[in-house]
PDB file of N, CA and C in Angstrom:
ATOM      1  N   MET A   1       0.851  -1.171   0.000  1.00  0.00           N
ATOM      2  CA  MET A   1       0.000   0.000   0.000  1.00  0.00           C
ATOM      3  C   MET A   1       0.903   1.243   0.000  1.00  0.00           C
ATOM      4  N   ASN A   2       0.645   2.158  -0.923  1.00  0.00           N
ATOM      5  CA  ASN A   2       1.478   3.352  -1.005  1.00  0.00           C
ATOM      6  C   ASN A   2       1.097   4.367   0.086  1.00  0.00           C
ATOM      7  N   ARG A   3       1.913   5.415   0.213  1.00  0.00           N
ATOM      8  CA  ARG A   3       1.705   6.418   1.268  1.00  0.00           C
ATOM      9  C   ARG A   3       0.349   7.103   1.189  1.00  0.00           C
ATOM     10  N   ARG A   4      -0.035   7.458  -0.008  1.00  0.00           N
ATOM     11  CA  ARG A   4      -1.315   8.153  -0.161  1.00  0.00           C
ATOM     12  C   ARG A   4      -2.471   7.264   0.281  1.00  0.00           C
ATOM     13  N   MET A   5      -2.441   6.002  -0.113  1.00  0.00           N
ATOM     14  CA  MET A   5      -3.511   5.088   0.277  1.00  0.00           C
ATOM     15  C   MET A   5      -3.500   4.871   1.793  1.00  0.00           C
ATOM     16  N   LYS A   6      -2.316   4.754   2.400  1.00  0.00           N
ATOM     17  CA  LYS A   6      -2.243   4.603   3.858  1.00  0.00           C
ATOM     18  C   LYS A   6      -2.891   5.799   4.548  1.00  0.00           C
ATOM     19  N   ARG A   7      -2.586   6.997   4.052  1.00  0.00           N
ATOM     20  CA  ARG A   7      -3.168   8.210   4.624  1.00  0.00           C
ATOM     21  C   ARG A   7      -4.689   8.199   4.447  1.00  0.00           C
ATOM     22  N   ASP A   8      -5.150   7.826   3.246  1.00  0.00           N
ATOM     23  CA  ASP A   8      -6.589   7.770   2.975  1.00  0.00           C
ATOM     24  C   ASP A   8      -7.294   6.768   3.888  1.00  0.00           C
ATOM     25  N   VAL A   9      -6.668   5.623   4.114  1.00  0.00           N
ATOM     26  CA  VAL A   9      -7.255   4.607   4.991  1.00  0.00           C
ATOM     27  C   VAL A   9      -7.335   5.137   6.419  1.00  0.00           C
ATOM     28  N   LEU A  10      -6.289   5.786   6.902  1.00  0.00           N
ATOM     29  CA  LEU A  10      -6.298   6.346   8.261  1.00  0.00           C
ATOM     30  C   LEU A  10      -7.384   7.414   8.411  1.00  0.00           C
ATOM     31  N   LEU A  11      -7.499   8.288   7.422  1.00  0.00           N
ATOM     32  CA  LEU A  11      -8.531   9.335   7.468  1.00  0.00           C
ATOM     33  C   LEU A  11      -9.933   8.727   7.397  1.00  0.00           C
ATOM     34  N   THR A  12     -10.093   7.716   6.552  1.00  0.00           N
ATOM     35  CA  THR A  12     -11.382   7.045   6.423  1.00  0.00           C
ATOM     36  C   THR A  12     -11.766   6.363   7.727  1.00  0.00           C
ATOM     37  N   LEU A  13     -10.827   5.677   8.348  1.00  0.00           N
ATOM     38  CA  LEU A  13     -11.120   5.009   9.619  1.00  0.00           C
ATOM     39  C   LEU A  13     -11.516   6.018  10.694  1.00  0.00           C
ATOM     40  N   ALA A  14     -10.827   7.141  10.753  1.00  0.00           N
ATOM     41  CA  ALA A  14     -11.152   8.163  11.752  1.00  0.00           C
ATOM     42  C   ALA A  14     -12.569   8.693  11.533  1.00  0.00           C
ATOM     43  N   ARG A  15     -12.901   8.990  10.289  1.00  0.00           N
ATOM     44  CA  ARG A  15     -14.239   9.507   9.976  1.00  0.00           C
ATOM     45  C   ARG A  15     -15.295   8.437  10.232  1.00  0.00           C
ATOM     46  N   LEU A  16     -15.024   7.198   9.808  1.00  0.00           N
ATOM     47  CA  LEU A  16     -15.942   6.079  10.031  1.00  0.00           C
ATOM     48  C   LEU A  16     -16.234   5.909  11.519  1.00  0.00           C
ATOM     49  N   LYS A  17     -15.195   5.850  12.327  1.00  0.00           N
ATOM     50  CA  LYS A  17     -15.374   5.638  13.766  1.00  0.00           C
ATOM     51  C   LYS A  17     -16.158   6.773  14.408  1.00  0.00           C
ATOM     52  N   SER A  18     -15.878   7.992  13.999  1.00  0.00           N
ATOM     53  CA  SER A  18     -16.579   9.147  14.553  1.00  0.00           C
ATOM     54  C   SER A  18     -18.066   9.123  14.194  1.00  0.00           C
ATOM     55  N   LEU A  19     -18.370   8.887  12.925  1.00  0.00           N
ATOM     56  CA  LEU A  19     -19.768   8.870  12.485  1.00  0.00           C
ATOM     57  C   LEU A  19     -20.553   7.716  13.109  1.00  0.00           C
ATOM     58  N   VAL A  20     -19.935   6.559  13.198  1.00  0.00           N
ATOM     59  CA  VAL A  20     -20.612   5.407  13.803  1.00  0.00           C
ATOM     60  C   VAL A  20     -20.855   5.669  15.285  1.00  0.00           C
ATOM     61  N   GLN A  21     -19.878   6.219  15.961  1.00  0.00           N
ATOM     62  CA  GLN A  21     -20.046   6.548  17.378  1.00  0.00           C
ATOM     63  C   GLN A  21     -21.224   7.505  17.592  1.00  0.00           C
ATOM     64  N   ASP A  22     -21.418   8.417  16.640  1.00  0.00           N
ATOM     65  CA  ASP A  22     -22.498   9.399  16.724  1.00  0.00           C
ATOM     66  C   ASP A  22     -23.817   8.903  16.115  1.00  0.00           C
ATOM     67  N   ASP A  23     -23.901   7.597  15.837  1.00  0.00           N
ATOM     68  CA  ASP A  23     -25.110   6.983  15.261  1.00  0.00           C
ATOM     69  C   ASP A  23     -25.503   7.589  13.918  1.00  0.00           C
ATOM     70  N   ARG A  24     -24.527   7.931  13.113  1.00  0.00           N
ATOM     71  CA  ARG A  24     -24.795   8.530  11.809  1.00  0.00           C
ATOM     72  C   ARG A  24     -24.521   7.497  10.715  1.00  0.00           C
ATOM     73  N   PHE A  25     -25.262   6.396  10.795  1.00  0.00           N
ATOM     74  CA  PHE A  25     -25.082   5.318   9.824  1.00  0.00           C
ATOM     75  C   PHE A  25     -26.353   4.514   9.670  1.00  0.00           C
ATOM     76  N   GLN A  26     -26.389   3.740   8.592  1.00  0.00           N
ATOM     77  CA  GLN A  26     -27.517   2.868   8.277  1.00  0.00           C
ATOM     78  C   GLN A  26     -26.979   1.523   7.850  1.00  0.00           C
ATOM     79  N   LEU A  27     -27.602   0.459   8.350  1.00  0.00           N
ATOM     80  CA  LEU A  27     -27.282  -0.906   7.920  1.00  0.00           C
ATOM     81  C   LEU A  27     -28.332  -1.333   6.903  1.00  0.00           C
ATOM     82  N   VAL A  28     -27.911  -1.649   5.696  1.00  0.00           N
ATOM     83  CA  VAL A  28     -28.840  -2.084   4.655  1.00  0.00           C
ATOM     84  C   VAL A  28     -29.178  -3.552   4.876  1.00  0.00           C
ATOM     85  N   HIS A  29     -30.455  -3.852   4.827  1.00  0.00           N
ATOM     86  CA  HIS A  29     -30.903  -5.243   4.981  1.00  0.00           C
ATOM     87  C   HIS A  29     -30.931  -5.897   3.604  1.00  0.00           C
ATOM     88  N   ARG A  30     -30.182  -6.974   3.489  1.00  0.00           N
ATOM     89  CA  ARG A  30     -30.065  -7.681   2.220  1.00  0.00           C
ATOM     90  C   ARG A  30     -31.069  -8.817   2.142  1.00  0.00           C
ATOM     91  N   ARG A  31     -31.343  -9.264   0.943  1.00  0.00           N
ATOM     92  CA  ARG A  31     -32.272 -10.387   0.745  1.00  0.00           C
ATOM     93  C   ARG A  31     -31.642 -11.723   1.136  1.00  0.00           C
ATOM     94  N   ASP A  32     -30.351 -11.843   0.932  1.00  0.00           N
ATOM     95  CA  ASP A  32     -29.630 -13.079   1.237  1.00  0.00           C
ATOM     96  C   ASP A  32     -29.545 -13.272   2.754  1.00  0.00           C
ATOM     97  N   PRO A  33     -30.137 -14.341   3.294  1.00  0.00           N
ATOM     98  CA  PRO A  33     -30.109 -14.536   4.749  1.00  0.00           C
ATOM     99  C   PRO A  33     -28.693 -14.720   5.303  1.00  0.00           C
ATOM    100  N   LEU A  34     -27.772 -15.187   4.493  1.00  0.00           N
ATOM    101  CA  LEU A  34     -26.391 -15.333   4.951  1.00  0.00           C
ATOM    102  C   LEU A  34     -25.686 -13.987   5.063  1.00  0.00           C
ATOM    103  N   ALA A  35     -26.247 -12.969   4.452  1.00  0.00           N
ATOM    104  CA  ALA A  35     -25.657 -11.634   4.503  1.00  0.00           C
ATOM    105  C   ALA A  35     -26.461 -10.724   5.433  1.00  0.00           C
ATOM    106  N   ALA A  36     -27.153 -11.310   6.399  1.00  0.00           N
ATOM    107  CA  ALA A  36     -27.936 -10.516   7.341  1.00  0.00           C
ATOM    108  C   ALA A  36     -26.994  -9.606   8.126  1.00  0.00           C
ATOM    109  N   PRO A  37     -27.359  -8.342   8.256  1.00  0.00           N
ATOM    110  CA  PRO A  37     -26.470  -7.418   8.944  1.00  0.00           C
ATOM    111  C   PRO A  37     -26.402  -7.683  10.445  1.00  0.00           C
ATOM    112  N   VAL A  38     -25.362  -7.177  11.039  1.00  0.00           N
ATOM    113  CA  VAL A  38     -25.182  -7.272  12.484  1.00  0.00           C
ATOM    114  C   VAL A  38     -26.113  -6.265  13.161  1.00  0.00           C
ATOM    115  N   THR A  39     -26.214  -6.346  14.465  1.00  0.00           N
ATOM    116  CA  THR A  39     -27.004  -5.369  15.208  1.00  0.00           C
ATOM    117  C   THR A  39     -26.243  -4.042  15.266  1.00  0.00           C
ATOM    118  N   THR A  40     -26.943  -2.989  15.580  1.00  0.00           N
ATOM    119  CA  THR A  40     -26.318  -1.667  15.707  1.00  0.00           C
ATOM    120  C   THR A  40     -25.241  -1.692  16.789  1.00  0.00           C
ATOM    121  N   THR A  41     -25.529  -2.326  17.906  1.00  0.00           N
ATOM    122  CA  THR A  41     -24.570  -2.399  19.007  1.00  0.00           C
ATOM    123  C   THR A  41     -23.306  -3.132  18.586  1.00  0.00           C
ATOM    124  N   LEU A  42     -23.468  -4.271  17.915  1.00  0.00           N
ATOM    125  CA  LEU A  42     -22.305  -5.028  17.464  1.00  0.00           C
ATOM    126  C   LEU A  42     -21.536  -4.259  16.393  1.00  0.00           C
ATOM    127  N   ALA A  43     -22.242  -3.577  15.505  1.00  0.00           N
ATOM    128  CA  ALA A  43     -21.574  -2.774  14.475  1.00  0.00           C
ATOM    129  C   ALA A  43     -20.666  -1.742  15.122  1.00  0.00           C
ATOM    130  N   LYS A  44     -21.149  -1.078  16.154  1.00  0.00           N
ATOM    131  CA  LYS A  44     -20.334  -0.071  16.851  1.00  0.00           C
ATOM    132  C   LYS A  44     -19.090  -0.691  17.467  1.00  0.00           C
ATOM    133  N   GLN A  45     -19.239  -1.861  18.072  1.00  0.00           N
ATOM    134  CA  GLN A  45     -18.095  -2.542  18.695  1.00  0.00           C
ATOM    135  C   GLN A  45     -17.053  -2.922  17.645  1.00  0.00           C
ATOM    136  N   ILE A  46     -17.513  -3.463  16.535  1.00  0.00           N
ATOM    137  CA  ILE A  46     -16.592  -3.910  15.481  1.00  0.00           C
ATOM    138  C   ILE A  46     -15.871  -2.712  14.874  1.00  0.00           C
ATOM    139  N   VAL A  47     -16.603  -1.658  14.556  1.00  0.00           N
ATOM    140  CA  VAL A  47     -15.986  -0.475  13.949  1.00  0.00           C
ATOM    141  C   VAL A  47     -14.955   0.137  14.897  1.00  0.00           C
ATOM    142  N   ARG A  48     -15.270   0.186  16.184  1.00  0.00           N
ATOM    143  CA  ARG A  48     -14.330   0.736  17.171  1.00  0.00           C
ATOM    144  C   ARG A  48     -12.984   0.004  17.130  1.00  0.00           C
ATOM    145  N   GLN A  49     -13.018  -1.282  16.816  1.00  0.00           N
ATOM    146  CA  GLN A  49     -11.807  -2.103  16.834  1.00  0.00           C
ATOM    147  C   GLN A  49     -11.099  -2.201  15.481  1.00  0.00           C
ATOM    148  N   LEU A  50     -11.664  -1.627  14.428  1.00  0.00           N
ATOM    149  CA  LEU A  50     -11.035  -1.711  13.104  1.00  0.00           C
ATOM    150  C   LEU A  50      -9.652  -1.080  13.097  1.00  0.00           C
ATOM    151  N   GLN A  51      -8.763  -1.695  12.349  1.00  0.00           N
ATOM    152  CA  GLN A  51      -7.383  -1.231  12.201  1.00  0.00           C
ATOM    153  C   GLN A  51      -7.081  -1.034  10.716  1.00  0.00           C
ATOM    154  N   PRO A  52      -6.074  -0.240  10.394  1.00  0.00           N
ATOM    155  CA  PRO A  52      -5.690  -0.075   8.989  1.00  0.00           C
ATOM    156  C   PRO A  52      -5.401  -1.409   8.294  1.00  0.00           C
ATOM    157  N   SER A  53      -4.897  -2.380   9.029  1.00  0.00           N
ATOM    158  CA  SER A  53      -4.595  -3.689   8.433  1.00  0.00           C
ATOM    159  C   SER A  53      -5.851  -4.449   8.018  1.00  0.00           C
ATOM    160  N   ASP A  54      -7.029  -4.012   8.469  1.00  0.00           N
ATOM    161  CA  ASP A  54      -8.293  -4.645   8.075  1.00  0.00           C
ATOM    162  C   ASP A  54      -8.789  -4.157   6.715  1.00  0.00           C
ATOM    163  N   PHE A  55      -8.160  -3.120   6.186  1.00  0.00           N
ATOM    164  CA  PHE A  55      -8.548  -2.580   4.886  1.00  0.00           C
ATOM    165  C   PHE A  55      -8.287  -3.599   3.787  1.00  0.00           C
ATOM    166  N   VAL A  56      -9.264  -3.768   2.888  1.00  0.00           N
ATOM    167  CA  VAL A  56      -9.126  -4.690   1.755  1.00  0.00           C
ATOM    168  C   VAL A  56      -8.910  -3.901   0.469  1.00  0.00           C
ATOM    169  N   LYS A  57      -9.865  -3.017   0.141  1.00  0.00           N
ATOM    170  CA  LYS A  57      -9.744  -2.245  -1.096  1.00  0.00           C
ATOM    171  C   LYS A  57     -10.865  -1.226  -1.184  1.00  0.00           C
ATOM    172  N   THR A  58     -10.760  -0.358  -2.178  1.00  0.00           N
ATOM    173  CA  THR A  58     -11.876   0.498  -2.569  1.00  0.00           C
ATOM    174  C   THR A  58     -12.237   0.108  -4.001  1.00  0.00           C
ATOM    175  N   GLU A  59     -13.478   0.373  -4.340  1.00  0.00           N
ATOM    176  CA  GLU A  59     -13.921   0.138  -5.718  1.00  0.00           C
ATOM    177  C   GLU A  59     -14.989   1.178  -6.038  1.00  0.00           C
ATOM    178  N   PRO A  60     -15.211   1.464  -7.309  1.00  0.00           N
ATOM    179  CA  PRO A  60     -16.264   2.424  -7.664  1.00  0.00           C
ATOM    180  C   PRO A  60     -17.644   1.868  -7.314  1.00  0.00           C
ATOM    181  N   ASN A  61     -18.504   2.733  -6.850  1.00  0.00           N
ATOM    182  CA  ASN A  61     -19.885   2.358  -6.570  1.00  0.00           C
ATOM    183  C   ASN A  61     -20.593   2.129  -7.907  1.00  0.00           C
ATOM    184  N   ARG A  62     -21.244   1.004  -8.067  1.00  0.00           N
ATOM    185  CA  ARG A  62     -21.943   0.707  -9.330  1.00  0.00           C
ATOM    186  C   ARG A  62     -23.056   1.718  -9.624  1.00  0.00           C
ATOM    187  N   ASN A  63     -23.664   2.259  -8.571  1.00  0.00           N
ATOM    188  CA  ASN A  63     -24.750   3.224  -8.741  1.00  0.00           C
ATOM    189  C   ASN A  63     -24.253   4.652  -8.933  1.00  0.00           C
ATOM    190  N   ASN A  64     -23.024   4.918  -8.536  1.00  0.00           N
ATOM    191  CA  ASN A  64     -22.425   6.242  -8.660  1.00  0.00           C
ATOM    192  C   ASN A  64     -20.910   6.058  -8.796  1.00  0.00           C
ATOM    193  N   PRO A  65     -20.400   5.888 -10.006  1.00  0.00           N
ATOM    194  CA  PRO A  65     -18.981   5.560 -10.219  1.00  0.00           C
ATOM    195  C   PRO A  65     -17.982   6.576  -9.649  1.00  0.00           C
ATOM    196  N   ARG A  66     -18.445   7.795  -9.352  1.00  0.00           N
ATOM    197  CA  ARG A  66     -17.535   8.781  -8.747  1.00  0.00           C
ATOM    198  C   ARG A  66     -17.412   8.589  -7.241  1.00  0.00           C
ATOM    199  N   GLN A  67     -18.225   7.713  -6.681  1.00  0.00           N
ATOM    200  CA  GLN A  67     -18.238   7.470  -5.243  1.00  0.00           C
ATOM    201  C   GLN A  67     -17.467   6.180  -4.935  1.00  0.00           C
ATOM    202  N   ALA A  68     -16.617   6.231  -3.923  1.00  0.00           N
ATOM    203  CA  ALA A  68     -15.831   5.054  -3.541  1.00  0.00           C
ATOM    204  C   ALA A  68     -16.605   4.176  -2.570  1.00  0.00           C
ATOM    205  N   VAL A  69     -16.534   2.882  -2.808  1.00  0.00           N
ATOM    206  CA  VAL A  69     -17.039   1.895  -1.864  1.00  0.00           C
ATOM    207  C   VAL A  69     -15.812   1.367  -1.121  1.00  0.00           C
ATOM    208  N   TRP A  70     -15.855   1.449   0.204  1.00  0.00           N
ATOM    209  CA  TRP A  70     -14.746   0.993   1.041  1.00  0.00           C
ATOM    210  C   TRP A  70     -15.045  -0.407   1.552  1.00  0.00           C
ATOM    211  N   ILE A  71     -14.031  -1.267   1.520  1.00  0.00           N
ATOM    212  CA  ILE A  71     -14.208  -2.653   1.963  1.00  0.00           C
ATOM    213  C   ILE A  71     -13.148  -2.981   3.013  1.00  0.00           C
ATOM    214  N   PHE A  72     -13.626  -3.485   4.147  1.00  0.00           N
ATOM    215  CA  PHE A  72     -12.759  -3.921   5.235  1.00  0.00           C
ATOM    216  C   PHE A  72     -13.183  -5.327   5.635  1.00  0.00           C
ATOM    217  N   LYS A  73     -12.244  -6.073   6.197  1.00  0.00           N
ATOM    218  CA  LYS A  73     -12.521  -7.409   6.706  1.00  0.00           C
ATOM    219  C   LYS A  73     -11.713  -7.580   7.981  1.00  0.00           C
ATOM    220  N   THR A  74     -12.410  -7.852   9.076  1.00  0.00           N
ATOM    221  CA  THR A  74     -11.711  -8.008  10.347  1.00  0.00           C
ATOM    222  C   THR A  74     -10.937  -9.316  10.348  1.00  0.00           C
ATOM    223  N   GLY A  75      -9.908  -9.360  11.155  1.00  0.00           N
ATOM    224  CA  GLY A  75      -9.062 -10.534  11.130  1.00  0.00           C
ATOM    225  C   GLY A  75      -8.986 -11.316  12.421  1.00  0.00           C
ATOM    226  N   SER A  76      -9.560 -10.788  13.505  1.00  0.00           N
ATOM    227  CA  SER A  76      -9.436 -11.500  14.782  1.00  0.00           C
ATOM    228  C   SER A  76     -10.791 -12.034  15.223  1.00  0.00           C
ATOM    229  N   GLY A  77     -10.767 -13.195  15.867  1.00  0.00           N
ATOM    230  CA  GLY A  77     -12.019 -13.805  16.326  1.00  0.00           C
ATOM    231  C   GLY A  77     -12.924 -14.109  15.146  1.00  0.00           C
ATOM    232  N   ASN A  78     -14.210 -13.793  15.294  1.00  0.00           N
ATOM    233  CA  ASN A  78     -15.128 -13.918  14.168  1.00  0.00           C
ATOM    234  C   ASN A  78     -14.752 -12.876  13.136  1.00  0.00           C
ATOM    235  N   SER A  79     -14.660 -13.270  11.894  1.00  0.00           N
ATOM    236  CA  SER A  79     -14.275 -12.360  10.828  1.00  0.00           C
ATOM    237  C   SER A  79     -15.525 -11.719  10.238  1.00  0.00           C
ATOM    238  N   TYR A  80     -15.519 -10.384  10.175  1.00  0.00           N
ATOM    239  CA  TYR A  80     -16.653  -9.645   9.629  1.00  0.00           C
ATOM    240  C   TYR A  80     -16.253  -8.932   8.343  1.00  0.00           C
ATOM    241  N   TYR A  81     -17.195  -8.865   7.422  1.00  0.00           N
ATOM    242  CA  TYR A  81     -17.024  -8.204   6.130  1.00  0.00           C
ATOM    243  C   TYR A  81     -17.832  -6.916   6.164  1.00  0.00           C
ATOM    244  N   LEU A  82     -17.168  -5.786   5.895  1.00  0.00           N
ATOM    245  CA  LEU A  82     -17.821  -4.480   5.883  1.00  0.00           C
ATOM    246  C   LEU A  82     -17.629  -3.835   4.534  1.00  0.00           C
ATOM    247  N   LYS A  83     -18.701  -3.330   3.977  1.00  0.00           N
ATOM    248  CA  LYS A  83     -18.653  -2.634   2.690  1.00  0.00           C
ATOM    249  C   LYS A  83     -19.554  -1.414   2.851  1.00  0.00           C
ATOM    250  N   PHE A  84     -18.987  -0.215   2.670  1.00  0.00           N
ATOM    251  CA  PHE A  84     -19.759   0.984   2.956  1.00  0.00           C
ATOM    252  C   PHE A  84     -19.389   2.144   2.051  1.00  0.00           C
ATOM    253  N   VAL A  85     -20.277   3.135   2.039  1.00  0.00           N
ATOM    254  CA  VAL A  85     -20.049   4.390   1.320  1.00  0.00           C
ATOM    255  C   VAL A  85     -20.371   5.542   2.262  1.00  0.00           C
ATOM    256  N   PHE A  86     -19.712   6.658   2.017  1.00  0.00           N
ATOM    257  CA  PHE A  86     -20.040   7.895   2.709  1.00  0.00           C
ATOM    258  C   PHE A  86     -21.064   8.635   1.851  1.00  0.00           C
ATOM    259  N   THR A  87     -22.114   9.142   2.474  1.00  0.00           N
ATOM    260  CA  THR A  87     -23.136   9.904   1.763  1.00  0.00           C
ATOM    261  C   THR A  87     -23.389  11.213   2.509  1.00  0.00           C
ATOM    262  N   ARG A  88     -24.332  11.989   1.987  1.00  0.00           N
ATOM    263  CA  ARG A  88     -24.707  13.271   2.599  1.00  0.00           C
ATOM    264  C   ARG A  88     -23.475  14.129   2.864  1.00  0.00           C
ATOM    265  N   HIS A  89     -22.686  14.315   1.800  1.00  0.00           N
ATOM    266  CA  HIS A  89     -21.467  15.131   1.858  1.00  0.00           C
ATOM    267  C   HIS A  89     -20.479  14.608   2.899  1.00  0.00           C
ATOM    268  N   GLY A  90     -20.394  13.286   3.014  1.00  0.00           N
ATOM    269  CA  GLY A  90     -19.448  12.656   3.926  1.00  0.00           C
ATOM    270  C   GLY A  90     -19.878  12.645   5.375  1.00  0.00           C
ATOM    271  N   GLN A  91     -21.132  12.984   5.653  1.00  0.00           N
ATOM    272  CA  GLN A  91     -21.602  13.073   7.038  1.00  0.00           C
ATOM    273  C   GLN A  91     -22.505  11.911   7.453  1.00  0.00           C
ATOM    274  N   TRP A  92     -22.597  10.882   6.614  1.00  0.00           N
ATOM    275  CA  TRP A  92     -23.458   9.720   6.884  1.00  0.00           C
ATOM    276  C   TRP A  92     -22.815   8.506   6.229  1.00  0.00           C
ATOM    277  N   ILE A  93     -23.006   7.348   6.822  1.00  0.00           N
ATOM    278  CA  ILE A  93     -22.461   6.105   6.273  1.00  0.00           C
ATOM    279  C   ILE A  93     -23.602   5.153   5.967  1.00  0.00           C
ATOM    280  N   VAL A  94     -23.537   4.540   4.806  1.00  0.00           N
ATOM    281  CA  VAL A  94     -24.462   3.461   4.462  1.00  0.00           C
ATOM    282  C   VAL A  94     -23.624   2.195   4.341  1.00  0.00           C
ATOM    283  N   PHE A  95     -23.877   1.245   5.242  1.00  0.00           N
ATOM    284  CA  PHE A  95     -23.215  -0.051   5.168  1.00  0.00           C
ATOM    285  C   PHE A  95     -24.001  -0.908   4.190  1.00  0.00           C
ATOM    286  N   ILE A  96     -23.416  -1.120   3.028  1.00  0.00           N
ATOM    287  CA  ILE A  96     -24.033  -1.950   2.002  1.00  0.00           C
ATOM    288  C   ILE A  96     -24.008  -3.409   2.454  1.00  0.00           C
ATOM    289  N   SER A  97     -22.930  -3.792   3.101  1.00  0.00           N
ATOM    290  CA  SER A  97     -22.773  -5.130   3.699  1.00  0.00           C
ATOM    291  C   SER A  97     -22.064  -4.975   5.035  1.00  0.00           C
ATOM    292  N   PHE A  98     -22.527  -5.716   6.008  1.00  0.00           N
ATOM    293  CA  PHE A  98     -21.859  -5.744   7.317  1.00  0.00           C
ATOM    294  C   PHE A  98     -22.319  -7.035   7.974  1.00  0.00           C
ATOM    295  N   HIS A  99     -21.549  -8.102   7.795  1.00  0.00           N
ATOM    296  CA  HIS A  99     -21.983  -9.412   8.246  1.00  0.00           C
ATOM    297  C   HIS A  99     -20.775 -10.303   8.506  1.00  0.00           C
ATOM    298  N   LEU A 100     -21.035 -11.434   9.136  1.00  0.00           N
ATOM    299  CA  LEU A 100     -19.997 -12.444   9.316  1.00  0.00           C
ATOM    300  C   LEU A 100     -19.483 -12.855   7.941  1.00  0.00           C
ATOM    301  N   ASP A 101     -18.183 -12.966   7.827  1.00  0.00           N
ATOM    302  CA  ASP A 101     -17.590 -13.399   6.562  1.00  0.00           C
ATOM    303  C   ASP A 101     -17.668 -14.911   6.491  1.00  0.00           C
ATOM    304  N   ARG A 102     -18.296 -15.419   5.455  1.00  0.00           N
ATOM    305  CA  ARG A 102     -18.463 -16.889   5.324  1.00  0.00           C
ATOM    306  C   ARG A 102     -17.675 -17.403   4.155  1.00  0.00           C
TER     307      ARG A 102
END
């Protein structure tokens, strides 16, 4: 990971943790029962513990190619898969996926 990406990941994690702590997020409910989202309480706990090493990648949002989709995967204990976007001028998070990684 290059310097710019490391900086971007650190800034993203700081913003993510702050917004989640302030309840400024939404968990999208998926049709796939295996991709059922975690509870709000568990989401807060997991996000609080995220580290830069949990970063997987960014990719363009299929619905808005100028918007980045951030993907993280936790590595300790139960492994969780998180996929999210920042919305409302970066002041809100929509978790597209947030579930146990299977």
